Amino acid sequence: MILVDWQLRDRIERGHIKIDPYDPNLVQPNSLDIRLGNHFVWYKPGKDIIDPFTRESVTSGVEEIHADSFILHPGQFVLAETLECIALPDNIVATIEGKSSIARLGVTLHQTGGWIDAGFRGTITLEMANVNARPVRVYAGMPIGQLVFYTTERAEKPYDKKGDAKYLDQRQATLSRYPANRKQE
């Protein structure tokens, strides 16, 4: 079941869902608007191959900035953080969706990483890209997306209880931690 506005406000006010900072004006009929943080990370153009099992290739050739705004160029991919830090209990999951007004500018918010497990804590790393033919400026603090919350049965082993929860308590835009996985032979 998708949580609606009054259910979201109730669960947030009771501390069942934690949102920091929380602005009640961001509660929508079926979602919670989230805002863009000020940390941006991207790969510099180059010919070096990124091998997901090799930490050095995942972390090399990267630039980052803390800024009040960021110009996203056509075809550019950037990781960004949400302003909000969230914490989900063991019976609520969320998905991140783009806001229509931002999508109409050509900015996508996530590639495939739009699922947030029960038990997750931290900021959300956005996988932003500009599919427009023109650059688009985005601003820290602007509503950039929305979280849709779903109730589920209680997870037996929520994200915060997993031994391999690579992104638990992440802050800032976080590069892939795929190298922590074992390569299958």
N, C-alpha and C. Protein backbone atom coordinates (compact mmCIF):
# COMPACT_ATOMS: atom_id res chain seq x y z
N MET A 1 0.84 -1.17 0.00
CA MET A 1 0.00 0.00 0.00
C MET A 1 0.89 1.24 0.00
N ILE A 2 0.58 2.19 -0.86
CA ILE A 2 1.29 3.47 -0.90
C ILE A 2 0.75 4.35 0.23
N LEU A 3 1.68 4.95 0.98
CA LEU A 3 1.26 5.86 2.04
C LEU A 3 0.82 7.18 1.44
N VAL A 4 -0.27 7.73 1.95
CA VAL A 4 -0.80 9.01 1.48
C VAL A 4 -0.40 10.11 2.46
N ASP A 5 -0.72 11.34 2.12
CA ASP A 5 -0.25 12.51 2.86
C ASP A 5 -0.41 12.42 4.38
N TRP A 6 -1.61 12.13 4.86
CA TRP A 6 -1.81 12.12 6.31
C TRP A 6 -1.04 10.97 6.96
N GLN A 7 -0.89 9.84 6.25
CA GLN A 7 -0.11 8.73 6.79
C GLN A 7 1.37 9.08 6.85
N LEU A 8 1.86 9.77 5.82
CA LEU A 8 3.26 10.21 5.82
C LEU A 8 3.52 11.16 6.98
N ARG A 9 2.69 12.18 7.11
CA ARG A 9 2.88 13.14 8.21
C ARG A 9 2.86 12.42 9.56
N ASP A 10 1.90 11.52 9.75
CA ASP A 10 1.78 10.79 11.01
C ASP A 10 3.03 9.97 11.31
N ARG A 11 3.51 9.20 10.33
CA ARG A 11 4.68 8.34 10.56
C ARG A 11 5.95 9.15 10.76
N ILE A 12 6.05 10.28 10.08
CA ILE A 12 7.23 11.14 10.26
C ILE A 12 7.17 11.82 11.63
N GLU A 13 6.02 12.36 12.00
CA GLU A 13 5.89 13.04 13.29
C GLU A 13 6.09 12.09 14.46
N ARG A 14 5.71 10.82 14.31
CA ARG A 14 5.92 9.82 15.37
C ARG A 14 7.31 9.21 15.33
N GLY A 15 8.13 9.56 14.33
CA GLY A 15 9.48 9.06 14.25
C GLY A 15 9.60 7.68 13.63
N HIS A 16 8.52 7.16 13.08
CA HIS A 16 8.56 5.85 12.43
C HIS A 16 9.37 5.93 11.13
N ILE A 17 9.15 6.99 10.36
CA ILE A 17 9.99 7.35 9.22
C ILE A 17 10.76 8.59 9.66
N LYS A 18 12.08 8.57 9.49
CA LYS A 18 12.88 9.73 9.88
C LYS A 18 13.32 10.50 8.64
N ILE A 19 13.08 11.80 8.66
CA ILE A 19 13.48 12.70 7.58
C ILE A 19 14.16 13.90 8.23
N ASP A 20 15.41 14.17 7.85
CA ASP A 20 16.15 15.28 8.44
C ASP A 20 16.95 16.01 7.37
N PRO A 21 16.66 17.28 7.12
CA PRO A 21 15.63 18.10 7.75
C PRO A 21 14.24 17.78 7.18
N TYR A 22 13.24 17.97 8.01
CA TYR A 22 11.86 17.70 7.60
C TYR A 22 11.11 19.01 7.44
N ASP A 23 10.48 19.18 6.30
CA ASP A 23 9.62 20.33 6.02
C ASP A 23 8.24 19.78 5.67
N PRO A 24 7.24 19.95 6.54
CA PRO A 24 5.91 19.40 6.26
C PRO A 24 5.29 19.92 4.97
N ASN A 25 5.77 21.07 4.47
CA ASN A 25 5.24 21.60 3.21
C ASN A 25 5.64 20.76 2.01
N LEU A 26 6.59 19.84 2.18
CA LEU A 26 7.04 18.99 1.07
C LEU A 26 6.21 17.71 0.93
N VAL A 27 5.27 17.49 1.86
CA VAL A 27 4.39 16.32 1.77
C VAL A 27 3.37 16.57 0.66
N GLN A 28 3.32 15.63 -0.28
CA GLN A 28 2.39 15.68 -1.40
C GLN A 28 1.28 14.64 -1.16
N PRO A 29 0.26 14.57 -2.00
CA PRO A 29 -0.82 13.60 -1.77
C PRO A 29 -0.33 12.15 -1.64
N ASN A 30 0.67 11.74 -2.42
CA ASN A 30 1.14 10.35 -2.39
C ASN A 30 2.64 10.23 -2.31
N SER A 31 3.33 11.30 -1.91
CA SER A 31 4.79 11.26 -1.89
C SER A 31 5.32 12.38 -1.01
N LEU A 32 6.65 12.39 -0.87
CA LEU A 32 7.35 13.44 -0.16
C LEU A 32 8.39 14.01 -1.10
N ASP A 33 8.32 15.30 -1.38
CA ASP A 33 9.35 15.94 -2.21
C ASP A 33 10.67 15.90 -1.46
N ILE A 34 11.75 15.65 -2.21
CA ILE A 34 13.09 15.70 -1.65
C ILE A 34 13.87 16.76 -2.40
N ARG A 35 14.85 17.32 -1.71
CA ARG A 35 15.61 18.43 -2.28
C ARG A 35 17.04 18.00 -2.59
N LEU A 36 17.61 18.72 -3.52
CA LEU A 36 18.98 18.47 -3.94
C LEU A 36 19.96 18.99 -2.91
N GLY A 37 20.96 18.18 -2.60
CA GLY A 37 22.04 18.63 -1.71
C GLY A 37 23.06 19.42 -2.50
N ASN A 38 24.24 19.63 -1.91
CA ASN A 38 25.24 20.47 -2.56
C ASN A 38 26.52 19.72 -2.95
N HIS A 39 26.49 18.39 -2.95
CA HIS A 39 27.68 17.60 -3.30
C HIS A 39 27.43 16.90 -4.63
N PHE A 40 28.38 17.09 -5.57
CA PHE A 40 28.26 16.53 -6.92
C PHE A 40 29.56 15.80 -7.26
N VAL A 41 29.45 14.62 -7.85
CA VAL A 41 30.61 13.80 -8.24
C VAL A 41 30.39 13.30 -9.66
N TRP A 42 31.43 13.37 -10.50
CA TRP A 42 31.29 12.88 -11.87
C TRP A 42 32.63 12.36 -12.36
N TYR A 43 32.56 11.54 -13.39
CA TYR A 43 33.76 11.00 -14.04
C TYR A 43 34.21 11.97 -15.13
N LYS A 44 35.51 12.24 -15.15
CA LYS A 44 36.08 13.05 -16.24
C LYS A 44 36.06 12.21 -17.51
N PRO A 45 35.81 12.83 -18.64
CA PRO A 45 35.86 12.07 -19.90
C PRO A 45 37.24 11.45 -20.10
N GLY A 46 37.26 10.26 -20.66
CA GLY A 46 38.52 9.58 -20.90
C GLY A 46 38.29 8.22 -21.51
N LYS A 47 39.38 7.53 -21.79
CA LYS A 47 39.29 6.21 -22.42
C LYS A 47 39.51 5.07 -21.43
N ASP A 48 39.87 5.41 -20.18
CA ASP A 48 40.08 4.36 -19.19
C ASP A 48 38.76 3.63 -18.92
N ILE A 49 38.84 2.33 -18.89
CA ILE A 49 37.66 1.50 -18.66
C ILE A 49 37.36 1.42 -17.16
N ILE A 50 36.11 1.54 -16.82
CA ILE A 50 35.69 1.34 -15.44
C ILE A 50 35.32 -0.13 -15.30
N ASP A 51 36.06 -0.83 -14.47
CA ASP A 51 35.80 -2.25 -14.17
C ASP A 51 35.11 -2.29 -12.81
N PRO A 52 33.84 -2.72 -12.74
CA PRO A 52 33.11 -2.66 -11.47
C PRO A 52 33.73 -3.49 -10.35
N PHE A 53 34.62 -4.44 -10.68
CA PHE A 53 35.25 -5.26 -9.64
C PHE A 53 36.60 -4.69 -9.19
N THR A 54 37.04 -3.61 -9.80
CA THR A 54 38.34 -3.03 -9.46
C THR A 54 38.13 -1.66 -8.84
N ARG A 55 38.38 -1.57 -7.54
CA ARG A 55 38.14 -0.34 -6.80
C ARG A 55 38.85 0.86 -7.43
N GLU A 56 40.10 0.67 -7.83
CA GLU A 56 40.87 1.78 -8.38
C GLU A 56 40.23 2.35 -9.64
N SER A 57 39.67 1.48 -10.48
CA SER A 57 39.05 2.00 -11.71
C SER A 57 37.73 2.70 -11.42
N VAL A 58 37.05 2.28 -10.36
CA VAL A 58 35.78 2.92 -9.99
C VAL A 58 36.03 4.29 -9.37
N THR A 59 37.14 4.44 -8.67
CA THR A 59 37.39 5.69 -7.94
C THR A 59 38.34 6.65 -8.65
N SER A 60 38.95 6.23 -9.77
CA SER A 60 39.90 7.13 -10.45
C SER A 60 39.19 7.97 -11.51
N GLY A 61 39.80 9.08 -11.85
CA GLY A 61 39.25 9.95 -12.88
C GLY A 61 37.97 10.64 -12.46
N VAL A 62 37.84 10.88 -11.16
CA VAL A 62 36.62 11.46 -10.61
C VAL A 62 36.88 12.90 -10.18
N GLU A 63 35.90 13.74 -10.39
CA GLU A 63 35.92 15.10 -9.87
C GLU A 63 34.72 15.27 -8.97
N GLU A 64 34.85 16.16 -7.99
CA GLU A 64 33.72 16.45 -7.11
C GLU A 64 33.75 17.90 -6.68
N ILE A 65 32.59 18.37 -6.28
CA ILE A 65 32.47 19.77 -5.86
C ILE A 65 31.32 19.88 -4.87
N HIS A 66 31.48 20.78 -3.92
CA HIS A 66 30.37 21.24 -3.08
C HIS A 66 30.02 22.62 -3.62
N ALA A 67 28.77 22.82 -4.02
CA ALA A 67 28.40 24.08 -4.65
C ALA A 67 26.91 24.36 -4.45
N ASP A 68 26.57 25.63 -4.54
CA ASP A 68 25.16 26.04 -4.41
C ASP A 68 24.37 25.73 -5.67
N SER A 69 25.08 25.57 -6.80
CA SER A 69 24.41 25.18 -8.04
C SER A 69 25.39 24.38 -8.89
N PHE A 70 24.84 23.70 -9.88
CA PHE A 70 25.66 22.86 -10.75
C PHE A 70 25.05 22.91 -12.15
N ILE A 71 25.90 23.10 -13.16
CA ILE A 71 25.41 23.08 -14.54
C ILE A 71 25.61 21.68 -15.09
N LEU A 72 24.50 21.04 -15.42
CA LEU A 72 24.50 19.70 -15.98
C LEU A 72 24.46 19.83 -17.50
N HIS A 73 25.55 19.44 -18.15
CA HIS A 73 25.68 19.61 -19.60
C HIS A 73 24.98 18.47 -20.36
N PRO A 74 24.62 18.70 -21.61
CA PRO A 74 23.96 17.65 -22.41
C PRO A 74 24.79 16.36 -22.39
N GLY A 75 24.12 15.26 -22.09
CA GLY A 75 24.78 13.95 -22.07
C GLY A 75 25.58 13.68 -20.82
N GLN A 76 25.70 14.64 -19.92
CA GLN A 76 26.51 14.45 -18.71
C GLN A 76 25.79 13.62 -17.68
N PHE A 77 26.57 12.80 -16.98
CA PHE A 77 26.09 11.98 -15.87
C PHE A 77 26.79 12.46 -14.61
N VAL A 78 26.05 12.67 -13.55
CA VAL A 78 26.62 13.14 -12.29
C VAL A 78 25.90 12.46 -11.13
N LEU A 79 26.66 12.15 -10.11
CA LEU A 79 26.06 11.68 -8.86
C LEU A 79 25.86 12.89 -7.96
N ALA A 80 24.73 12.95 -7.31
CA ALA A 80 24.43 14.06 -6.41
C ALA A 80 23.77 13.49 -5.16
N GLU A 81 23.74 14.27 -4.13
CA GLU A 81 23.13 13.83 -2.89
C GLU A 81 21.79 14.51 -2.68
N THR A 82 20.97 13.90 -1.85
CA THR A 82 19.77 14.59 -1.40
C THR A 82 20.11 15.42 -0.17
N LEU A 83 19.41 16.50 0.01
CA LEU A 83 19.55 17.30 1.23
C LEU A 83 19.05 16.48 2.42
N GLU A 84 17.96 15.76 2.20
CA GLU A 84 17.36 15.00 3.28
C GLU A 84 18.11 13.70 3.55
N CYS A 85 18.29 13.43 4.82
CA CYS A 85 18.79 12.14 5.28
C CYS A 85 17.55 11.39 5.76
N ILE A 86 17.41 10.12 5.37
CA ILE A 86 16.21 9.38 5.74
C ILE A 86 16.59 8.13 6.53
N ALA A 87 15.62 7.61 7.26
CA ALA A 87 15.77 6.32 7.93
C ALA A 87 14.42 5.63 7.84
N LEU A 88 14.43 4.41 7.30
CA LEU A 88 13.20 3.64 7.13
C LEU A 88 13.15 2.50 8.13
N PRO A 89 11.97 2.19 8.66
CA PRO A 89 11.83 1.04 9.54
C PRO A 89 11.85 -0.26 8.74
N ASP A 90 11.65 -1.36 9.41
CA ASP A 90 11.73 -2.67 8.76
C ASP A 90 10.48 -3.06 7.98
N ASN A 91 9.48 -2.18 7.93
CA ASN A 91 8.25 -2.52 7.19
C ASN A 91 7.81 -1.42 6.21
N ILE A 92 8.74 -0.55 5.84
CA ILE A 92 8.44 0.48 4.84
C ILE A 92 9.61 0.55 3.87
N VAL A 93 9.28 0.53 2.57
CA VAL A 93 10.27 0.72 1.51
C VAL A 93 9.89 1.99 0.76
N ALA A 94 10.80 2.49 -0.05
CA ALA A 94 10.51 3.70 -0.81
C ALA A 94 11.11 3.58 -2.20
N THR A 95 10.54 4.33 -3.12
CA THR A 95 11.14 4.50 -4.44
C THR A 95 11.35 5.99 -4.64
N ILE A 96 12.36 6.30 -5.43
CA ILE A 96 12.62 7.70 -5.76
C ILE A 96 12.18 7.92 -7.19
N GLU A 97 11.44 8.97 -7.39
CA GLU A 97 10.94 9.32 -8.71
C GLU A 97 11.31 10.76 -9.00
N GLY A 98 11.48 11.08 -10.27
CA GLY A 98 11.76 12.45 -10.66
C GLY A 98 10.51 13.29 -10.60
N LYS A 99 10.70 14.58 -10.45
CA LYS A 99 9.57 15.50 -10.52
C LYS A 99 9.33 15.83 -11.99
N SER A 100 8.10 15.89 -12.37
CA SER A 100 7.72 16.15 -13.75
C SER A 100 8.33 17.45 -14.28
N SER A 101 8.31 18.49 -13.45
CA SER A 101 8.83 19.79 -13.90
C SER A 101 10.32 19.73 -14.21
N ILE A 102 11.06 18.90 -13.48
CA ILE A 102 12.50 18.74 -13.73
C ILE A 102 12.71 17.83 -14.95
N ALA A 103 11.91 16.78 -15.06
CA ALA A 103 12.02 15.88 -16.21
C ALA A 103 11.73 16.62 -17.51
N ARG A 104 10.84 17.59 -17.48
CA ARG A 104 10.51 18.36 -18.68
C ARG A 104 11.64 19.27 -19.13
N LEU A 105 12.65 19.42 -18.27
CA LEU A 105 13.87 20.15 -18.64
C LEU A 105 14.92 19.20 -19.22
N GLY A 106 14.63 17.90 -19.17
CA GLY A 106 15.56 16.91 -19.69
C GLY A 106 16.43 16.25 -18.65
N VAL A 107 16.18 16.52 -17.37
CA VAL A 107 17.01 15.97 -16.30
C VAL A 107 16.36 14.70 -15.75
N THR A 108 17.10 13.58 -15.84
CA THR A 108 16.65 12.35 -15.21
C THR A 108 17.29 12.27 -13.84
N LEU A 109 16.59 11.64 -12.91
CA LEU A 109 17.03 11.62 -11.52
C LEU A 109 17.74 10.34 -11.13
N HIS A 110 17.32 9.23 -11.71
CA HIS A 110 17.99 7.97 -11.39
C HIS A 110 17.99 7.09 -12.63
N GLN A 111 19.03 6.31 -12.74
CA GLN A 111 19.16 5.41 -13.89
C GLN A 111 18.39 4.11 -13.61
N THR A 112 18.81 3.38 -12.60
CA THR A 112 18.08 2.18 -12.19
C THR A 112 18.05 2.06 -10.68
N GLY A 113 18.76 2.90 -9.98
CA GLY A 113 18.88 2.78 -8.53
C GLY A 113 17.79 3.51 -7.77
N GLY A 114 16.54 3.28 -8.11
CA GLY A 114 15.46 4.01 -7.50
C GLY A 114 14.79 3.33 -6.33
N TRP A 115 15.32 2.19 -5.88
CA TRP A 115 14.70 1.42 -4.81
C TRP A 115 15.43 1.68 -3.51
N ILE A 116 14.69 1.88 -2.42
CA ILE A 116 15.28 2.11 -1.10
C ILE A 116 14.70 1.07 -0.16
N ASP A 117 15.55 0.18 0.31
CA ASP A 117 15.12 -0.96 1.13
C ASP A 117 14.65 -0.54 2.52
N ALA A 118 13.78 -1.37 3.09
CA ALA A 118 13.42 -1.25 4.50
C ALA A 118 14.71 -1.32 5.32
N GLY A 119 14.82 -0.46 6.31
CA GLY A 119 16.01 -0.43 7.15
C GLY A 119 17.13 0.47 6.66
N PHE A 120 16.96 1.11 5.48
CA PHE A 120 18.00 2.00 4.96
C PHE A 120 18.08 3.26 5.83
N ARG A 121 19.31 3.75 6.01
CA ARG A 121 19.57 5.04 6.66
C ARG A 121 20.62 5.78 5.86
N GLY A 122 20.42 7.07 5.66
CA GLY A 122 21.42 7.89 5.00
C GLY A 122 20.81 8.85 4.01
N THR A 123 21.69 9.58 3.33
CA THR A 123 21.23 10.41 2.22
C THR A 123 21.10 9.50 1.01
N ILE A 124 20.38 9.94 0.03
CA ILE A 124 20.19 9.15 -1.19
C ILE A 124 21.10 9.71 -2.27
N THR A 125 21.85 8.84 -2.92
CA THR A 125 22.68 9.27 -4.03
C THR A 125 21.82 9.26 -5.29
N LEU A 126 21.73 10.41 -5.94
CA LEU A 126 20.97 10.56 -7.17
C LEU A 126 21.89 10.28 -8.35
N GLU A 127 21.39 9.61 -9.37
CA GLU A 127 22.14 9.29 -10.59
C GLU A 127 21.58 10.16 -11.70
N MET A 128 21.99 11.41 -11.73
CA MET A 128 21.39 12.39 -12.61
C MET A 128 22.06 12.43 -13.98
N ALA A 129 21.25 12.68 -15.00
CA ALA A 129 21.77 12.85 -16.35
C ALA A 129 20.92 13.91 -17.05
N ASN A 130 21.54 14.56 -18.02
CA ASN A 130 20.84 15.57 -18.81
C ASN A 130 20.67 15.02 -20.23
N VAL A 131 19.44 14.75 -20.62
CA VAL A 131 19.15 14.26 -21.97
C VAL A 131 18.68 15.40 -22.89
N ASN A 132 18.74 16.62 -22.39
CA ASN A 132 18.37 17.79 -23.17
C ASN A 132 19.54 18.17 -24.09
N ALA A 133 19.26 18.95 -25.11
CA ALA A 133 20.30 19.45 -26.01
C ALA A 133 20.98 20.69 -25.45
N ARG A 134 20.45 21.22 -24.34
CA ARG A 134 21.01 22.42 -23.72
C ARG A 134 21.40 22.14 -22.27
N PRO A 135 22.38 22.87 -21.75
CA PRO A 135 22.74 22.72 -20.34
C PRO A 135 21.58 23.13 -19.44
N VAL A 136 21.53 22.51 -18.26
CA VAL A 136 20.51 22.83 -17.27
C VAL A 136 21.21 23.07 -15.93
N ARG A 137 20.89 24.18 -15.31
CA ARG A 137 21.45 24.48 -13.98
C ARG A 137 20.48 23.95 -12.92
N VAL A 138 21.03 23.25 -11.94
CA VAL A 138 20.25 22.78 -10.80
C VAL A 138 20.84 23.44 -9.55
N TYR A 139 19.99 23.63 -8.55
CA TYR A 139 20.37 24.37 -7.35
C TYR A 139 20.22 23.51 -6.10
N ALA A 140 21.21 23.59 -5.22
CA ALA A 140 21.10 22.95 -3.92
C ALA A 140 19.88 23.51 -3.21
N GLY A 141 19.10 22.65 -2.62
CA GLY A 141 17.90 23.07 -1.90
C GLY A 141 16.63 23.04 -2.71
N MET A 142 16.75 22.91 -4.05
CA MET A 142 15.53 22.89 -4.87
C MET A 142 14.87 21.51 -4.78
N PRO A 143 13.53 21.44 -4.76
CA PRO A 143 12.88 20.13 -4.86
C PRO A 143 13.28 19.49 -6.20
N ILE A 144 13.82 18.29 -6.14
CA ILE A 144 14.38 17.64 -7.33
C ILE A 144 13.66 16.33 -7.64
N GLY A 145 13.06 15.72 -6.63
CA GLY A 145 12.41 14.43 -6.82
C GLY A 145 11.39 14.19 -5.74
N GLN A 146 10.89 12.97 -5.73
CA GLN A 146 9.89 12.62 -4.72
C GLN A 146 10.09 11.18 -4.30
N LEU A 147 9.84 10.94 -3.03
CA LEU A 147 9.90 9.59 -2.48
C LEU A 147 8.47 9.09 -2.34
N VAL A 148 8.24 7.89 -2.82
CA VAL A 148 6.95 7.21 -2.65
C VAL A 148 7.21 6.09 -1.66
N PHE A 149 6.42 6.04 -0.59
CA PHE A 149 6.61 5.06 0.49
C PHE A 149 5.54 3.98 0.41
N TYR A 150 5.97 2.74 0.63
CA TYR A 150 5.09 1.57 0.58
C TYR A 150 5.22 0.80 1.89
N THR A 151 4.09 0.36 2.42
CA THR A 151 4.16 -0.51 3.59
C THR A 151 4.30 -1.95 3.10
N THR A 152 5.03 -2.73 3.86
CA THR A 152 5.27 -4.14 3.54
C THR A 152 5.15 -4.95 4.82
N GLU A 153 5.25 -6.25 4.69
CA GLU A 153 5.43 -7.08 5.87
C GLU A 153 6.80 -6.72 6.45
N ARG A 154 7.01 -7.01 7.71
CA ARG A 154 8.31 -6.72 8.32
C ARG A 154 9.38 -7.60 7.68
N ALA A 155 10.46 -6.95 7.27
CA ALA A 155 11.57 -7.70 6.68
C ALA A 155 12.27 -8.50 7.77
N GLU A 156 12.61 -9.74 7.46
CA GLU A 156 13.34 -10.57 8.41
C GLU A 156 14.74 -10.01 8.65
N LYS A 157 15.36 -9.53 7.58
CA LYS A 157 16.70 -8.95 7.68
C LYS A 157 16.71 -7.64 6.90
N PRO A 158 16.24 -6.53 7.53
CA PRO A 158 16.23 -5.25 6.82
C PRO A 158 17.65 -4.79 6.50
N TYR A 159 17.75 -3.77 5.69
CA TYR A 159 19.04 -3.31 5.17
C TYR A 159 20.04 -3.02 6.29
N ASP A 160 19.57 -2.42 7.37
CA ASP A 160 20.49 -2.07 8.46
C ASP A 160 20.96 -3.27 9.27
N LYS A 161 20.41 -4.44 8.99
CA LYS A 161 20.83 -5.67 9.69
C LYS A 161 21.63 -6.60 8.78
N LYS A 162 21.77 -6.24 7.51
CA LYS A 162 22.55 -7.05 6.57
C LYS A 162 24.04 -6.86 6.85
N GLY A 163 24.80 -7.88 6.68
CA GLY A 163 26.24 -7.77 6.86
C GLY A 163 26.93 -7.05 5.71
N ASP A 164 26.28 -7.00 4.56
CA ASP A 164 26.91 -6.40 3.38
C ASP A 164 26.17 -5.16 2.89
N ALA A 165 25.63 -4.38 3.81
CA ALA A 165 24.89 -3.16 3.45
C ALA A 165 25.90 -2.06 3.12
N LYS A 166 26.29 -1.99 1.87
CA LYS A 166 27.40 -1.13 1.43
C LYS A 166 27.10 0.37 1.53
N TYR A 167 25.84 0.75 1.52
CA TYR A 167 25.51 2.17 1.48
C TYR A 167 24.81 2.66 2.76
N LEU A 168 24.80 1.83 3.79
CA LEU A 168 24.16 2.22 5.04
C LEU A 168 24.88 3.41 5.65
N ASP A 169 24.13 4.39 6.07
CA ASP A 169 24.64 5.62 6.70
C ASP A 169 25.50 6.46 5.77
N GLN A 170 25.33 6.29 4.46
CA GLN A 170 26.10 7.12 3.52
C GLN A 170 25.70 8.58 3.67
N ARG A 171 26.67 9.44 3.48
CA ARG A 171 26.44 10.88 3.43
C ARG A 171 27.15 11.35 2.17
N GLN A 172 26.60 12.32 1.52
CA GLN A 172 27.12 12.87 0.28
C GLN A 172 26.88 11.91 -0.88
N ALA A 173 27.16 12.39 -2.08
CA ALA A 173 27.05 11.56 -3.28
C ALA A 173 28.11 10.47 -3.16
N THR A 174 27.71 9.23 -3.34
CA THR A 174 28.59 8.09 -3.08
C THR A 174 28.83 7.30 -4.35
N LEU A 175 30.10 7.12 -4.69
CA LEU A 175 30.47 6.30 -5.85
C LEU A 175 30.03 4.86 -5.63
N SER A 176 30.00 4.10 -6.70
CA SER A 176 29.65 2.69 -6.64
C SER A 176 30.58 1.95 -5.69
N ARG A 177 30.01 1.11 -4.88
CA ARG A 177 30.79 0.24 -4.01
C ARG A 177 30.73 -1.20 -4.50
N TYR A 178 30.49 -1.36 -5.78
CA TYR A 178 30.41 -2.68 -6.39
C TYR A 178 31.67 -3.52 -6.18
N PRO A 179 32.85 -2.91 -6.12
CA PRO A 179 34.05 -3.73 -5.90
C PRO A 179 34.02 -4.56 -4.63
N ALA A 180 33.12 -4.22 -3.69
CA ALA A 180 32.98 -5.03 -2.47
C ALA A 180 32.34 -6.38 -2.75
N ASN A 181 31.73 -6.54 -3.91
CA ASN A 181 31.14 -7.82 -4.30
C ASN A 181 32.23 -8.77 -4.77
N ARG A 182 31.97 -10.04 -4.65
CA ARG A 182 32.92 -11.04 -5.14
C ARG A 182 32.61 -11.36 -6.59
N LYS A 183 33.65 -11.41 -7.38
CA LYS A 183 33.50 -11.76 -8.79
C LYS A 183 33.29 -13.27 -8.89
N GLN A 184 32.24 -13.65 -9.60
CA GLN A 184 31.94 -15.08 -9.80
C GLN A 184 32.88 -15.67 -10.84
N GLU A 185 33.50 -16.74 -10.50
CA GLU A 185 34.44 -17.40 -11.43
C GLU A 185 33.71 -18.38 -12.32
